[in-house]
């Protein structure tokens, strides 16, 4: 807080009020206040204005972070998935273990499509899109996955660059890529 620019300090103060502490990720991202502000705005819009349920949101964030190999975000979103969003433990374990989600076909399709979008750099096949939509999703859902990827790209890449240390609240959910 004391080394951030005036604009950065204001963003961190708002974030601290919302989260209760300054996550290490935010402390790194505030080196460019525009990066942190863009992240926080996109994250809020995805959470508050999107068509996905809280468990679906976490499946998306975990799936993207898995594809990007972000140890920090995997820990943070595993904790949120478990404690706040109430994602079933077997679904969290499947994603963290890079396994197929069974038996929930809708969450399996969601995770697979989010991962395909990252791997294909936003160029899924028509069959990928149709499979996703056949699970009950729409064009709106497709676009909201693009928003989630944008948000997670900011955080995942920032964490890679800074080697962000996992915060204490997420420590029990540390994750190492296979």
C-alpha atoms as a PDB file:
ATOM      1  CA  UNK A   1       0.000   0.000   0.000  1.00  0.00           C
ATOM      2  CA  UNK A   2       2.798   2.412   0.908  1.00  0.00           C
ATOM      3  CA  UNK A   3       4.738   1.904  -2.337  1.00  0.00           C
ATOM      4  CA  UNK A   4       1.749   2.054  -4.716  1.00  0.00           C
ATOM      5  CA  UNK A   5       1.005   5.132  -6.799  1.00  0.00           C
ATOM      6  CA  UNK A   6      -1.862   7.344  -5.700  1.00  0.00           C
ATOM      7  CA  UNK A   7      -4.207   5.676  -8.213  1.00  0.00           C
ATOM      8  CA  UNK A   8      -2.920   2.234  -7.225  1.00  0.00           C
ATOM      9  CA  UNK A   9      -3.426   2.962  -3.530  1.00  0.00           C
ATOM     10  CA  UNK A  10      -7.053   3.926  -4.174  1.00  0.00           C
ATOM     11  CA  UNK A  11      -7.649   0.675  -6.063  1.00  0.00           C
ATOM     12  CA  UNK A  12      -5.991  -1.365  -3.292  1.00  0.00           C
ATOM     13  CA  UNK A  13      -8.045   0.364  -0.590  1.00  0.00           C
ATOM     14  CA  UNK A  14     -11.257  -0.528  -2.428  1.00  0.00           C
ATOM     15  CA  UNK A  15     -10.063  -4.099  -2.950  1.00  0.00           C
ATOM     16  CA  UNK A  16      -9.133  -4.444   0.729  1.00  0.00           C
ATOM     17  CA  UNK A  17     -12.648  -3.353   1.745  1.00  0.00           C
ATOM     18  CA  UNK A  18     -14.141  -5.985  -0.575  1.00  0.00           C
ATOM     19  CA  UNK A  19     -11.807  -8.896   0.182  1.00  0.00           C
ATOM     20  CA  UNK A  20     -10.671  -8.075   3.715  1.00  0.00           C
ATOM     21  CA  UNK A  21      -6.960  -8.127   2.843  1.00  0.00           C
ATOM     22  CA  UNK A  22      -4.632  -7.284  -0.037  1.00  0.00           C
ATOM     23  CA  UNK A  23      -3.962 -10.532  -1.910  1.00  0.00           C
ATOM     24  CA  UNK A  24      -0.360 -10.943  -3.062  1.00  0.00           C
ATOM     25  CA  UNK A  25      -1.650 -11.046  -6.625  1.00  0.00           C
ATOM     26  CA  UNK A  26      -3.142  -7.550  -6.259  1.00  0.00           C
ATOM     27  CA  UNK A  27       0.076  -6.256  -4.704  1.00  0.00           C
ATOM     28  CA  UNK A  28       1.907  -7.354  -7.853  1.00  0.00           C
ATOM     29  CA  UNK A  29      -0.724  -6.267 -10.359  1.00  0.00           C
ATOM     30  CA  UNK A  30      -0.918  -2.746  -8.893  1.00  0.00           C
ATOM     31  CA  UNK A  31       2.514  -2.042 -10.413  1.00  0.00           C
ATOM     32  CA  UNK A  32       0.312  -1.178 -13.392  1.00  0.00           C
ATOM     33  CA  UNK A  33      -2.906   0.225 -11.904  1.00  0.00           C
ATOM     34  CA  UNK A  34      -4.660  -0.234 -15.249  1.00  0.00           C
ATOM     35  CA  UNK A  35      -3.985  -3.981 -15.128  1.00  0.00           C
ATOM     36  CA  UNK A  36      -5.404  -4.331 -11.617  1.00  0.00           C
ATOM     37  CA  UNK A  37      -8.371  -2.080 -12.320  1.00  0.00           C
ATOM     38  CA  UNK A  38      -9.176  -3.942 -15.560  1.00  0.00           C
ATOM     39  CA  UNK A  39      -8.892  -7.275 -13.747  1.00  0.00           C
ATOM     40  CA  UNK A  40     -11.147  -6.195 -10.868  1.00  0.00           C
ATOM     41  CA  UNK A  41     -13.761  -4.678 -13.188  1.00  0.00           C
ATOM     42  CA  UNK A  42     -13.881  -7.727 -15.472  1.00  0.00           C
ATOM     43  CA  UNK A  43     -13.947 -10.087 -12.498  1.00  0.00           C
ATOM     44  CA  UNK A  44     -16.840  -8.174 -10.901  1.00  0.00           C
ATOM     45  CA  UNK A  45     -18.817  -8.096 -14.148  1.00  0.00           C
ATOM     46  CA  UNK A  46     -18.287 -11.821 -14.722  1.00  0.00           C
ATOM     47  CA  UNK A  47     -19.401 -12.602 -11.172  1.00  0.00           C
ATOM     48  CA  UNK A  48     -22.326 -10.203 -10.892  1.00  0.00           C
ATOM     49  CA  UNK A  49     -23.728  -9.827 -14.411  1.00  0.00           C
ATOM     50  CA  UNK A  50     -23.102 -13.211 -15.957  1.00  0.00           C
ATOM     51  CA  UNK A  51     -25.383 -16.100 -16.758  1.00  0.00           C
ATOM     52  CA  UNK A  52     -23.309 -18.746 -14.946  1.00  0.00           C
ATOM     53  CA  UNK A  53     -24.094 -20.004 -11.444  1.00  0.00           C
ATOM     54  CA  UNK A  54     -21.436 -19.646  -8.744  1.00  0.00           C
ATOM     55  CA  UNK A  55     -20.314 -23.292  -9.098  1.00  0.00           C
ATOM     56  CA  UNK A  56     -20.119 -22.916 -12.885  1.00  0.00           C
ATOM     57  CA  UNK A  57     -18.040 -19.748 -12.490  1.00  0.00           C
ATOM     58  CA  UNK A  58     -15.498 -21.619 -10.378  1.00  0.00           C
ATOM     59  CA  UNK A  59     -15.370 -24.532 -12.828  1.00  0.00           C
ATOM     60  CA  UNK A  60     -14.540 -22.012 -15.547  1.00  0.00           C
ATOM     61  CA  UNK A  61     -11.876 -20.186 -13.506  1.00  0.00           C
ATOM     62  CA  UNK A  62     -10.290 -23.455 -12.372  1.00  0.00           C
ATOM     63  CA  UNK A  63     -10.313 -24.892 -15.898  1.00  0.00           C
ATOM     64  CA  UNK A  64      -8.670 -21.795 -17.379  1.00  0.00           C
ATOM     65  CA  UNK A  65      -6.107 -21.608 -14.583  1.00  0.00           C
ATOM     66  CA  UNK A  66      -5.341 -25.314 -15.045  1.00  0.00           C
ATOM     67  CA  UNK A  67      -4.680 -24.781 -18.749  1.00  0.00           C
ATOM     68  CA  UNK A  68      -2.458 -21.799 -17.954  1.00  0.00           C
ATOM     69  CA  UNK A  69      -0.674 -23.659 -15.139  1.00  0.00           C
ATOM     70  CA  UNK A  70      -1.313 -20.906 -12.577  1.00  0.00           C
ATOM     71  CA  UNK A  71      -0.516 -22.281  -9.130  1.00  0.00           C
ATOM     72  CA  UNK A  72      -1.767 -19.145  -7.369  1.00  0.00           C
ATOM     73  CA  UNK A  73      -5.182 -19.051  -9.079  1.00  0.00           C
ATOM     74  CA  UNK A  74      -5.638 -22.808  -8.741  1.00  0.00           C
ATOM     75  CA  UNK A  75      -5.161 -22.460  -4.966  1.00  0.00           C
ATOM     76  CA  UNK A  76      -7.370 -19.378  -4.646  1.00  0.00           C
ATOM     77  CA  UNK A  77     -10.211 -20.693  -6.802  1.00  0.00           C
ATOM     78  CA  UNK A  78     -10.055 -24.150  -5.225  1.00  0.00           C
ATOM     79  CA  UNK A  79     -10.673 -22.520  -1.838  1.00  0.00           C
ATOM     80  CA  UNK A  80     -13.469 -20.335  -3.230  1.00  0.00           C
ATOM     81  CA  UNK A  81     -14.980 -23.346  -5.028  1.00  0.00           C
ATOM     82  CA  UNK A  82     -14.944 -25.370  -1.822  1.00  0.00           C
ATOM     83  CA  UNK A  83     -15.882 -22.777   0.794  1.00  0.00           C
ATOM     84  CA  UNK A  84     -18.025 -20.210  -1.027  1.00  0.00           C
ATOM     85  CA  UNK A  85     -19.347 -21.564  -4.335  1.00  0.00           C
ATOM     86  CA  UNK A  86     -20.053 -25.067  -3.051  1.00  0.00           C
ATOM     87  CA  UNK A  87     -18.613 -26.905  -6.035  1.00  0.00           C
ATOM     88  CA  UNK A  88     -18.787 -30.651  -5.348  1.00  0.00           C
ATOM     89  CA  UNK A  89     -15.469 -31.962  -3.999  1.00  0.00           C
ATOM     90  CA  UNK A  90     -15.204 -34.586  -6.750  1.00  0.00           C
ATOM     91  CA  UNK A  91     -15.518 -31.863  -9.424  1.00  0.00           C
ATOM     92  CA  UNK A  92     -12.774 -29.771  -7.791  1.00  0.00           C
ATOM     93  CA  UNK A  93     -10.550 -32.851  -7.489  1.00  0.00           C
ATOM     94  CA  UNK A  94     -11.143 -33.819 -11.119  1.00  0.00           C
ATOM     95  CA  UNK A  95     -10.147 -30.398 -12.429  1.00  0.00           C
ATOM     96  CA  UNK A  96      -7.141 -30.122 -10.102  1.00  0.00           C
ATOM     97  CA  UNK A  97      -6.065 -33.606 -11.196  1.00  0.00           C
ATOM     98  CA  UNK A  98      -6.534 -32.837 -14.891  1.00  0.00           C
ATOM     99  CA  UNK A  99      -9.210 -35.541 -15.111  1.00  0.00           C
ATOM    100  CA  UNK A 100     -12.634 -35.634 -16.738  1.00  0.00           C
ATOM    101  CA  UNK A 101     -15.517 -34.499 -14.541  1.00  0.00           C
ATOM    102  CA  UNK A 102     -17.835 -37.425 -13.811  1.00  0.00           C
ATOM    103  CA  UNK A 103     -20.849 -37.778 -13.458  1.00  0.00           C
ATOM    104  CA  UNK A 104     -21.999 -34.169 -14.081  1.00  0.00           C
ATOM    105  CA  UNK A 105     -22.211 -33.965 -17.895  1.00  0.00           C
ATOM    106  CA  UNK A 106     -23.047 -30.250 -17.919  1.00  0.00           C
ATOM    107  CA  UNK A 107     -20.032 -29.264 -15.787  1.00  0.00           C
ATOM    108  CA  UNK A 108     -17.892 -31.666 -17.836  1.00  0.00           C
ATOM    109  CA  UNK A 109     -18.943 -29.879 -21.046  1.00  0.00           C
ATOM    110  CA  UNK A 110     -18.340 -26.489 -19.412  1.00  0.00           C
ATOM    111  CA  UNK A 111     -14.840 -27.348 -18.233  1.00  0.00           C
ATOM    112  CA  UNK A 112     -13.937 -28.965 -21.549  1.00  0.00           C
ATOM    113  CA  UNK A 113     -15.138 -25.960 -23.545  1.00  0.00           C
ATOM    114  CA  UNK A 114     -13.317 -23.427 -21.331  1.00  0.00           C
ATOM    115  CA  UNK A 115     -10.123 -25.451 -21.724  1.00  0.00           C
ATOM    116  CA  UNK A 116     -10.642 -25.790 -25.477  1.00  0.00           C
ATOM    117  CA  UNK A 117     -11.088 -22.032 -25.765  1.00  0.00           C
ATOM    118  CA  UNK A 118      -7.736 -21.462 -24.015  1.00  0.00           C
ATOM    119  CA  UNK A 119      -5.885 -24.155 -25.977  1.00  0.00           C
ATOM    120  CA  UNK A 120      -7.313 -23.015 -29.316  1.00  0.00           C
ATOM    121  CA  UNK A 121      -6.734 -19.332 -28.529  1.00  0.00           C
ATOM    122  CA  UNK A 122     -10.416 -18.632 -29.031  1.00  0.00           C
ATOM    123  CA  UNK A 123     -10.791 -20.674 -32.209  1.00  0.00           C
ATOM    124  CA  UNK A 124     -12.816 -23.742 -31.231  1.00  0.00           C
ATOM    125  CA  UNK A 125     -14.201 -25.963 -33.932  1.00  0.00           C
ATOM    126  CA  UNK A 126     -17.861 -25.764 -34.857  1.00  0.00           C
ATOM    127  CA  UNK A 127     -18.238 -29.205 -33.267  1.00  0.00           C
ATOM    128  CA  UNK A 128     -16.745 -27.908 -29.990  1.00  0.00           C
ATOM    129  CA  UNK A 129     -19.246 -25.044 -29.904  1.00  0.00           C
ATOM    130  CA  UNK A 130     -22.166 -27.301 -30.781  1.00  0.00           C
ATOM    131  CA  UNK A 131     -21.181 -29.825 -28.103  1.00  0.00           C
ATOM    132  CA  UNK A 132     -21.053 -27.019 -25.541  1.00  0.00           C
ATOM    133  CA  UNK A 133     -24.431 -25.666 -26.598  1.00  0.00           C
ATOM    134  CA  UNK A 134     -25.972 -29.147 -26.615  1.00  0.00           C
ATOM    135  CA  UNK A 135     -25.187 -29.294 -22.895  1.00  0.00           C
ATOM    136  CA  UNK A 136     -27.624 -26.407 -22.357  1.00  0.00           C
ATOM    137  CA  UNK A 137     -25.449 -23.352 -22.922  1.00  0.00           C
ATOM    138  CA  UNK A 138     -25.985 -20.408 -25.290  1.00  0.00           C
ATOM    139  CA  UNK A 139     -24.062 -17.815 -27.301  1.00  0.00           C
ATOM    140  CA  UNK A 140     -24.117 -15.606 -24.201  1.00  0.00           C
ATOM    141  CA  UNK A 141     -22.317 -18.330 -22.264  1.00  0.00           C
ATOM    142  CA  UNK A 142     -19.715 -18.616 -25.024  1.00  0.00           C
ATOM    143  CA  UNK A 143     -18.991 -14.886 -24.799  1.00  0.00           C
ATOM    144  CA  UNK A 144     -18.873 -14.942 -21.014  1.00  0.00           C
ATOM    145  CA  UNK A 145     -16.190 -17.613 -21.208  1.00  0.00           C
ATOM    146  CA  UNK A 146     -14.241 -15.140 -23.355  1.00  0.00           C
ATOM    147  CA  UNK A 147     -14.626 -12.602 -20.523  1.00  0.00           C
ATOM    148  CA  UNK A 148     -13.430 -15.166 -17.976  1.00  0.00           C
ATOM    149  CA  UNK A 149     -10.409 -15.965 -20.154  1.00  0.00           C
ATOM    150  CA  UNK A 150      -9.566 -12.261 -20.401  1.00  0.00           C
ATOM    151  CA  UNK A 151      -9.758 -11.885 -16.626  1.00  0.00           C
ATOM    152  CA  UNK A 152      -7.772 -15.054 -15.933  1.00  0.00           C
ATOM    153  CA  UNK A 153      -5.170 -14.173 -18.555  1.00  0.00           C
ATOM    154  CA  UNK A 154      -4.469 -10.956 -16.638  1.00  0.00           C
ATOM    155  CA  UNK A 155      -4.157 -12.783 -13.333  1.00  0.00           C
ATOM    156  CA  UNK A 156      -2.515 -16.002 -14.541  1.00  0.00           C
ATOM    157  CA  UNK A 157       0.144 -14.210 -16.576  1.00  0.00           C
ATOM    158  CA  UNK A 158       0.825 -11.665 -13.820  1.00  0.00           C
ATOM    159  CA  UNK A 159       1.264 -14.498 -11.324  1.00  0.00           C
ATOM    160  CA  UNK A 160       3.660 -16.287 -13.670  1.00  0.00           C
ATOM    161  CA  UNK A 161       5.732 -13.141 -14.132  1.00  0.00           C
ATOM    162  CA  UNK A 162       5.958 -12.363 -10.413  1.00  0.00           C
ATOM    163  CA  UNK A 163       5.997 -15.917  -9.035  1.00  0.00           C
ATOM    164  CA  UNK A 164       3.184 -14.800  -6.739  1.00  0.00           C
ATOM    165  CA  UNK A 165       3.271 -16.495  -3.359  1.00  0.00           C
ATOM    166  CA  UNK A 166      -0.004 -18.160  -2.369  1.00  0.00           C
ATOM    167  CA  UNK A 167      -1.723 -16.165   0.372  1.00  0.00           C
ATOM    168  CA  UNK A 168      -2.325 -17.773   3.749  1.00  0.00           C
ATOM    169  CA  UNK A 169      -6.126 -18.079   3.254  1.00  0.00           C
ATOM    170  CA  UNK A 170      -5.483 -20.257   0.177  1.00  0.00           C
ATOM    171  CA  UNK A 171      -2.507 -22.224   1.539  1.00  0.00           C
ATOM    172  CA  UNK A 172      -4.451 -25.424   2.261  1.00  0.00           C
ATOM    173  CA  UNK A 173      -5.350 -25.556  -1.433  1.00  0.00           C
ATOM    174  CA  UNK A 174      -1.847 -25.296  -2.922  1.00  0.00           C
ATOM    175  CA  UNK A 175      -1.577 -26.943  -6.309  1.00  0.00           C
ATOM    176  CA  UNK A 176       1.350 -28.110  -8.405  1.00  0.00           C
ATOM    177  CA  UNK A 177       0.989 -28.871 -12.116  1.00  0.00           C
ATOM    178  CA  UNK A 178       1.340 -32.552 -13.002  1.00  0.00           C
END
